[in-house]
Amino acid sequence: MSHSTDASKDRETGSNFMPKFDDRGLLTAVVTDSSSGEVLMVAFMNEEALALTQETGVAHFWSRSRQALWKKGETSGNTLQVDEVLVDCDQDALVLRCTPAGPTCHTGAVSCFYRKLEDDGLTRVLS
C-alpha cells in the first residue's frame, strides 16, 4: 500500500483531524442551528479562521469577496456560538452546529436561505 493511500485512508476513516483545504486554502462550512437543525448559512474557512473558531468557540470565516478574516457578528453582534463541528468523510467540508445570537443573514433574515426557487423565480420562504 502506498503512502498516499495510507494518508487517504487515515483521513477518511481515522481519528486524526487532517483538514483538506482546496487550492485556495479553503474549506466549505455549512452552519446549522443547534436547536432546530435549520441551515443558516454557508461560508468558507481558511486555516486561521478554523484555528480561531476552535480557540474561541465563536465562528470565524474567510471572506472571499473582501479577502479577509472575519468573526461572524463582529459588527452586528449576531455571533454564532459553535456547539459542535462535524467533519465530512474526506475532511474538506464542515458542519458547524451553532447557537445564533440573532439573525444570521446580513439582510436580517434568520437564515441566509430565506427564498426558494419556484419555476424561474424566487419566492420568500414563510417561517
Protein backbone atom coordinates (compact mmCIF):
# COMPACT_ATOMS: atom_id res chain seq x y z
CA MET A 1 0.00 0.00 0.00
CA SER A 2 1.41 3.40 -0.95
CA HIS A 3 1.96 6.24 1.50
CA SER A 4 -0.70 8.42 -0.16
CA THR A 5 -3.24 5.63 0.18
CA ASP A 6 -2.40 5.30 3.89
CA ALA A 7 -2.89 9.06 4.37
CA SER A 8 -6.15 8.96 2.44
CA LYS A 9 -7.43 6.01 4.47
CA ASP A 10 -6.45 7.75 7.72
CA ARG A 11 -8.18 10.95 6.57
CA GLU A 12 -11.36 9.06 5.62
CA THR A 13 -11.69 6.57 8.47
CA GLY A 14 -9.15 7.50 11.13
CA SER A 15 -9.47 9.68 14.21
CA ASN A 16 -6.90 12.33 13.23
CA PHE A 17 -8.20 15.74 12.20
CA MET A 18 -6.49 16.38 8.87
CA PRO A 19 -8.44 19.19 7.17
CA LYS A 20 -8.15 19.11 3.39
CA PHE A 21 -8.11 22.70 2.16
CA ASP A 22 -8.73 23.39 -1.52
CA ASP A 23 -6.23 25.04 -3.88
CA ARG A 24 -7.24 28.45 -2.44
CA GLY A 25 -6.65 27.25 1.11
CA LEU A 26 -10.36 26.99 1.97
CA LEU A 27 -12.87 24.55 3.45
CA THR A 28 -16.63 24.81 2.99
CA ALA A 29 -18.51 25.37 6.25
CA VAL A 30 -22.27 24.77 6.48
CA VAL A 31 -23.76 26.45 9.55
CA THR A 32 -26.88 24.97 11.15
CA ASP A 33 -28.93 25.97 14.18
CA SER A 34 -28.17 23.56 17.03
CA SER A 35 -31.77 23.65 18.25
CA SER A 36 -33.81 23.48 15.05
CA GLY A 37 -31.32 21.93 12.62
CA GLU A 38 -32.14 24.70 10.11
CA VAL A 39 -29.37 25.58 7.66
CA LEU A 40 -28.39 29.16 8.49
CA MET A 41 -25.55 29.92 6.09
CA VAL A 42 -22.68 28.53 4.04
CA ALA A 43 -19.27 30.15 4.26
CA PHE A 44 -15.60 29.33 3.87
CA MET A 45 -12.83 28.86 6.40
CA ASN A 46 -9.10 29.09 5.92
CA GLU A 47 -6.59 27.66 8.39
CA GLU A 48 -6.62 30.81 10.55
CA ALA A 49 -10.44 31.01 10.67
CA LEU A 50 -10.62 27.36 11.67
CA ALA A 51 -8.00 27.82 14.39
CA LEU A 52 -9.76 30.92 15.80
CA THR A 53 -13.10 29.09 15.76
CA GLN A 54 -11.57 26.19 17.68
CA GLU A 55 -9.81 28.52 20.15
CA THR A 56 -12.73 30.87 20.87
CA GLY A 57 -15.83 28.74 20.27
CA VAL A 58 -17.20 31.55 18.07
CA ALA A 59 -17.47 31.07 14.30
CA HIS A 60 -14.81 32.80 12.18
CA PHE A 61 -14.68 32.67 8.40
CA TRP A 62 -12.68 33.82 5.38
CA SER A 63 -14.44 36.36 3.19
CA ARG A 64 -13.66 35.59 -0.42
CA SER A 65 -15.05 38.94 -1.59
CA ARG A 66 -13.07 41.03 0.91
CA GLN A 67 -10.10 38.63 1.06
CA ALA A 68 -10.16 39.00 4.83
CA LEU A 69 -10.72 37.04 8.01
CA TRP A 70 -13.99 37.84 9.77
CA LYS A 71 -15.66 36.92 13.01
CA LYS A 72 -19.37 36.34 12.31
CA GLY A 73 -21.27 39.11 14.08
CA GLU A 74 -18.26 41.37 14.63
CA THR A 75 -20.29 44.40 13.53
CA SER A 76 -23.90 43.26 14.06
CA GLY A 77 -23.40 41.41 17.34
CA ASN A 78 -25.11 38.38 15.79
CA THR A 79 -22.34 35.94 16.61
CA LEU A 80 -22.51 32.18 16.21
CA GLN A 81 -21.54 30.16 19.29
CA VAL A 82 -20.18 26.86 17.99
CA ASP A 83 -21.63 23.88 19.85
CA GLU A 84 -20.26 21.10 17.65
CA VAL A 85 -18.19 20.69 14.49
CA LEU A 86 -18.95 17.76 12.19
CA VAL A 87 -16.32 16.76 9.65
CA ASP A 88 -17.20 15.05 6.35
CA CYS A 89 -15.54 11.83 5.20
CA ASP A 90 -12.66 13.37 3.24
CA GLN A 91 -12.32 16.33 5.63
CA ASP A 92 -12.86 19.07 3.03
CA ALA A 93 -16.19 20.32 4.44
CA LEU A 94 -17.53 21.05 7.91
CA VAL A 95 -20.93 21.43 9.51
CA LEU A 96 -20.91 23.91 12.38
CA ARG A 97 -23.84 23.35 14.74
CA CYS A 98 -24.29 26.75 16.35
CA THR A 99 -26.39 28.82 18.70
CA PRO A 100 -27.00 32.13 16.93
CA ALA A 101 -27.11 35.38 18.93
CA GLY A 102 -29.56 36.88 16.42
CA PRO A 103 -30.41 36.76 12.73
CA THR A 104 -27.64 35.05 10.76
CA CYS A 105 -28.14 36.71 7.38
CA HIS A 106 -26.84 40.23 6.75
CA THR A 107 -30.33 41.02 5.37
CA GLY A 108 -31.81 40.49 8.83
CA ALA A 109 -33.34 37.12 7.97
CA VAL A 110 -32.91 34.27 10.46
CA SER A 111 -31.23 32.19 7.74
CA CYS A 112 -29.47 33.15 4.52
CA PHE A 113 -31.77 30.58 2.88
CA TYR A 114 -34.97 32.61 3.11
CA ARG A 115 -36.04 32.18 -0.53
CA LYS A 116 -36.87 29.15 -2.64
CA LEU A 117 -36.78 28.58 -6.37
CA GLU A 118 -40.22 28.19 -7.91
CA ASP A 119 -40.44 27.90 -11.67
CA ASP A 120 -37.98 30.56 -12.85
CA GLY A 121 -38.19 32.91 -9.89
CA LEU A 122 -37.59 33.21 -6.17
CA THR A 123 -40.29 33.37 -3.52
CA ARG A 124 -39.82 34.07 0.16
CA VAL A 125 -39.96 31.06 2.48
CA LEU A 126 -42.61 31.58 5.13
CA SER A 127 -41.43 30.84 8.66
